[in-house]
Amino acid sequence: MAKIIHTMIRVADEDRSTRFYKQAFDLDVADRFPFDGFTLVYLRNDECDIELELTINEGQEDAYSHGSGYGHIAVAVDDIEAEHARFEELGFDPTPVKSMDHNGNPLATFFFVTDPDGYKIEILKRQGRYR
């Protein structure tokens, strides 16, 4: 059986991105592999089953286009209101907390934040299928 081990995003500034993901989600650099022309950085914490891979391409001056296919990365937290307040204090400009039902049953309580490269991240209350 296959196991998802990481998802990759391209970022412009390694320090800025690793600082954001550390502050926002307590992700630490697990590995860093510099190559000619690019660097791969793997982020994780003890809660992670998968890693976030940052790819930093040397000489990339323009912002990356996310195209029409990219949606978001999602993370689960225990206390959605406390995390929302923390994100506000950090100046990350989170969207308002919203709840969504499906067929009259609670499905999700969530908000979004955007990383320094414009990637959307959904923060979900740890409940139901979102564990």
C-alpha atoms as a PDB file:
ATOM      1  CA  MET A   1       0.000   0.000   0.000  1.00  0.00           C
ATOM      2  CA  ALA A   2       1.270   3.501  -0.836  1.00  0.00           C
ATOM      3  CA  LYS A   3       1.957   6.058   1.876  1.00  0.00           C
ATOM      4  CA  ILE A   4       2.027   9.818   1.224  1.00  0.00           C
ATOM      5  CA  ILE A   5       5.338  11.097   2.611  1.00  0.00           C
ATOM      6  CA  HIS A   6       5.533  14.754   1.556  1.00  0.00           C
ATOM      7  CA  THR A   7       4.029  17.559  -0.436  1.00  0.00           C
ATOM      8  CA  MET A   8       6.224  20.149  -2.160  1.00  0.00           C
ATOM      9  CA  ILE A   9       5.864  23.874  -2.742  1.00  0.00           C
ATOM     10  CA  ARG A  10       8.309  26.249  -4.425  1.00  0.00           C
ATOM     11  CA  VAL A  11       9.301  29.236  -2.315  1.00  0.00           C
ATOM     12  CA  ALA A  12      11.324  32.354  -3.047  1.00  0.00           C
ATOM     13  CA  ASP A  13      13.121  32.880   0.274  1.00  0.00           C
ATOM     14  CA  GLU A  14      14.213  29.926   2.415  1.00  0.00           C
ATOM     15  CA  ASP A  15      14.688  31.894   5.638  1.00  0.00           C
ATOM     16  CA  ARG A  16      11.377  33.726   5.330  1.00  0.00           C
ATOM     17  CA  SER A  17       9.483  30.491   4.639  1.00  0.00           C
ATOM     18  CA  THR A  18      11.144  28.378   7.345  1.00  0.00           C
ATOM     19  CA  ARG A  19      10.523  31.191   9.855  1.00  0.00           C
ATOM     20  CA  PHE A  20       6.825  31.395   8.853  1.00  0.00           C
ATOM     21  CA  TYR A  21       6.254  27.629   9.091  1.00  0.00           C
ATOM     22  CA  LYS A  22       8.070  27.469  12.439  1.00  0.00           C
ATOM     23  CA  GLN A  23       5.995  30.321  13.901  1.00  0.00           C
ATOM     24  CA  ALA A  24       2.711  29.200  12.381  1.00  0.00           C
ATOM     25  CA  PHE A  25       2.878  25.400  12.747  1.00  0.00           C
ATOM     26  CA  ASP A  26       5.984  24.603  14.819  1.00  0.00           C
ATOM     27  CA  LEU A  27       7.598  22.894  11.821  1.00  0.00           C
ATOM     28  CA  ASP A  28      11.340  22.409  12.098  1.00  0.00           C
ATOM     29  CA  VAL A  29      13.885  21.677   9.388  1.00  0.00           C
ATOM     30  CA  ALA A  30      14.258  17.886   9.359  1.00  0.00           C
ATOM     31  CA  ASP A  31      16.693  17.843   6.420  1.00  0.00           C
ATOM     32  CA  ARG A  32      18.248  20.295   4.002  1.00  0.00           C
ATOM     33  CA  PHE A  33      19.875  19.274   0.704  1.00  0.00           C
ATOM     34  CA  PRO A  34      21.649  21.936  -1.365  1.00  0.00           C
ATOM     35  CA  PHE A  35      22.220  21.077  -5.048  1.00  0.00           C
ATOM     36  CA  ASP A  36      23.599  23.042  -7.981  1.00  0.00           C
ATOM     37  CA  GLY A  37      20.780  25.455  -8.802  1.00  0.00           C
ATOM     38  CA  PHE A  38      18.289  24.525  -6.065  1.00  0.00           C
ATOM     39  CA  THR A  39      17.861  23.478  -2.430  1.00  0.00           C
ATOM     40  CA  LEU A  40      15.376  21.060  -0.878  1.00  0.00           C
ATOM     41  CA  VAL A  41      14.254  21.676   2.701  1.00  0.00           C
ATOM     42  CA  TYR A  42      12.028  19.199   4.557  1.00  0.00           C
ATOM     43  CA  LEU A  43       9.885  20.496   7.430  1.00  0.00           C
ATOM     44  CA  ARG A  44       8.115  18.471  10.110  1.00  0.00           C
ATOM     45  CA  ASN A  45       7.148  18.251  13.766  1.00  0.00           C
ATOM     46  CA  ASP A  46       6.258  15.364  16.076  1.00  0.00           C
ATOM     47  CA  GLU A  47       2.586  15.553  15.002  1.00  0.00           C
ATOM     48  CA  CYS A  48       3.375  15.138  11.298  1.00  0.00           C
ATOM     49  CA  ASP A  49       2.801  11.946   9.366  1.00  0.00           C
ATOM     50  CA  ILE A  50       4.010  13.717   6.217  1.00  0.00           C
ATOM     51  CA  GLU A  51       6.597  16.411   5.573  1.00  0.00           C
ATOM     52  CA  LEU A  52       6.379  19.721   3.782  1.00  0.00           C
ATOM     53  CA  GLU A  53       9.138  20.008   1.188  1.00  0.00           C
ATOM     54  CA  LEU A  54      10.245  23.515   0.268  1.00  0.00           C
ATOM     55  CA  THR A  55      12.072  23.863  -3.045  1.00  0.00           C
ATOM     56  CA  ILE A  56      14.175  26.979  -3.423  1.00  0.00           C
ATOM     57  CA  ASN A  57      15.392  27.556  -7.005  1.00  0.00           C
ATOM     58  CA  GLU A  58      18.438  29.784  -7.382  1.00  0.00           C
ATOM     59  CA  GLY A  59      17.927  32.790  -9.625  1.00  0.00           C
ATOM     60  CA  GLN A  60      14.124  32.718  -9.383  1.00  0.00           C
ATOM     61  CA  GLU A  61      13.177  36.379  -9.361  1.00  0.00           C
ATOM     62  CA  ASP A  62       9.509  36.312 -10.316  1.00  0.00           C
ATOM     63  CA  ALA A  63       6.817  35.072  -7.957  1.00  0.00           C
ATOM     64  CA  TYR A  64       5.676  31.546  -8.730  1.00  0.00           C
ATOM     65  CA  SER A  65       2.312  31.143 -10.414  1.00  0.00           C
ATOM     66  CA  HIS A  66       0.043  28.799  -8.496  1.00  0.00           C
ATOM     67  CA  GLY A  67      -2.126  28.302 -11.553  1.00  0.00           C
ATOM     68  CA  SER A  68      -5.774  27.343 -11.358  1.00  0.00           C
ATOM     69  CA  GLY A  69      -5.147  23.894  -9.861  1.00  0.00           C
ATOM     70  CA  TYR A  70      -3.598  24.635  -6.480  1.00  0.00           C
ATOM     71  CA  GLY A  71      -6.090  24.599  -3.621  1.00  0.00           C
ATOM     72  CA  HIS A  72      -4.548  24.554  -0.159  1.00  0.00           C
ATOM     73  CA  ILE A  73      -2.627  22.661   2.483  1.00  0.00           C
ATOM     74  CA  ALA A  74      -4.636  21.718   5.594  1.00  0.00           C
ATOM     75  CA  VAL A  75      -3.587  21.304   9.221  1.00  0.00           C
ATOM     76  CA  ALA A  76      -5.633  20.311  12.274  1.00  0.00           C
ATOM     77  CA  VAL A  77      -5.460  22.000  15.692  1.00  0.00           C
ATOM     78  CA  ASP A  78      -7.155  21.350  19.025  1.00  0.00           C
ATOM     79  CA  ASP A  79      -8.247  24.904  19.861  1.00  0.00           C
ATOM     80  CA  ILE A  80      -9.304  26.780  16.727  1.00  0.00           C
ATOM     81  CA  GLU A  81     -10.129  30.025  18.539  1.00  0.00           C
ATOM     82  CA  ALA A  82      -6.772  30.141  20.353  1.00  0.00           C
ATOM     83  CA  GLU A  83      -4.895  29.424  17.126  1.00  0.00           C
ATOM     84  CA  HIS A  84      -6.859  32.114  15.308  1.00  0.00           C
ATOM     85  CA  ALA A  85      -5.968  34.638  18.035  1.00  0.00           C
ATOM     86  CA  ARG A  86      -2.300  33.554  17.913  1.00  0.00           C
ATOM     87  CA  PHE A  87      -2.205  34.001  14.128  1.00  0.00           C
ATOM     88  CA  GLU A  88      -3.680  37.481  14.532  1.00  0.00           C
ATOM     89  CA  GLU A  89      -1.026  38.352  17.152  1.00  0.00           C
ATOM     90  CA  LEU A  90       1.684  37.141  14.760  1.00  0.00           C
ATOM     91  CA  GLY A  91       0.295  39.465  12.073  1.00  0.00           C
ATOM     92  CA  PHE A  92      -0.584  36.599   9.698  1.00  0.00           C
ATOM     93  CA  ASP A  93      -4.014  38.106   8.846  1.00  0.00           C
ATOM     94  CA  PRO A  94      -6.165  34.968   9.176  1.00  0.00           C
ATOM     95  CA  THR A  95      -9.626  34.875   7.645  1.00  0.00           C
ATOM     96  CA  PRO A  96     -12.579  34.731  10.068  1.00  0.00           C
ATOM     97  CA  VAL A  97     -13.382  31.372  11.672  1.00  0.00           C
ATOM     98  CA  LYS A  98     -16.225  29.644   9.818  1.00  0.00           C
ATOM     99  CA  SER A  99     -18.205  26.456  10.303  1.00  0.00           C
ATOM    100  CA  MET A 100     -19.616  24.189   7.638  1.00  0.00           C
ATOM    101  CA  ASP A 101     -22.308  21.516   7.895  1.00  0.00           C
ATOM    102  CA  HIS A 102     -23.113  18.652   5.553  1.00  0.00           C
ATOM    103  CA  ASN A 103     -26.655  17.296   5.470  1.00  0.00           C
ATOM    104  CA  GLY A 104     -27.359  19.044   8.774  1.00  0.00           C
ATOM    105  CA  ASN A 105     -24.338  17.555  10.546  1.00  0.00           C
ATOM    106  CA  PRO A 106     -21.273  19.540  11.643  1.00  0.00           C
ATOM    107  CA  LEU A 107     -18.395  18.917   9.235  1.00  0.00           C
ATOM    108  CA  ALA A 108     -15.692  21.528   9.773  1.00  0.00           C
ATOM    109  CA  THR A 109     -14.710  24.616  11.743  1.00  0.00           C
ATOM    110  CA  PHE A 110     -11.843  26.410  10.027  1.00  0.00           C
ATOM    111  CA  PHE A 111      -9.997  29.524   8.902  1.00  0.00           C
ATOM    112  CA  PHE A 112      -7.366  30.238   6.268  1.00  0.00           C
ATOM    113  CA  VAL A 113      -3.988  31.935   6.324  1.00  0.00           C
ATOM    114  CA  THR A 114      -1.610  32.686   3.450  1.00  0.00           C
ATOM    115  CA  ASP A 115       2.111  31.933   3.607  1.00  0.00           C
ATOM    116  CA  PRO A 116       4.779  34.406   2.358  1.00  0.00           C
ATOM    117  CA  ASP A 117       4.612  32.950  -1.165  1.00  0.00           C
ATOM    118  CA  GLY A 118       0.834  33.161  -1.429  1.00  0.00           C
ATOM    119  CA  TYR A 119      -0.013  29.530  -0.649  1.00  0.00           C
ATOM    120  CA  LYS A 120      -3.337  29.113   1.153  1.00  0.00           C
ATOM    121  CA  ILE A 121      -3.339  27.019   4.325  1.00  0.00           C
ATOM    122  CA  GLU A 122      -6.542  25.829   5.970  1.00  0.00           C
ATOM    123  CA  ILE A 123      -6.497  25.476   9.754  1.00  0.00           C
ATOM    124  CA  LEU A 124      -9.212  23.054  10.893  1.00  0.00           C
ATOM    125  CA  LYS A 125     -10.511  22.263  14.351  1.00  0.00           C
ATOM    126  CA  ARG A 126      -9.484  18.710  15.211  1.00  0.00           C
ATOM    127  CA  GLN A 127     -12.851  16.939  15.101  1.00  0.00           C
ATOM    128  CA  GLY A 128     -14.692  14.300  13.096  1.00  0.00           C
ATOM    129  CA  ARG A 129     -12.719  13.325  10.016  1.00  0.00           C
ATOM    130  CA  TYR A 130     -10.178  16.107  10.554  1.00  0.00           C
ATOM    131  CA  ARG A 131      -7.747  14.578  13.030  1.00  0.00           C
END
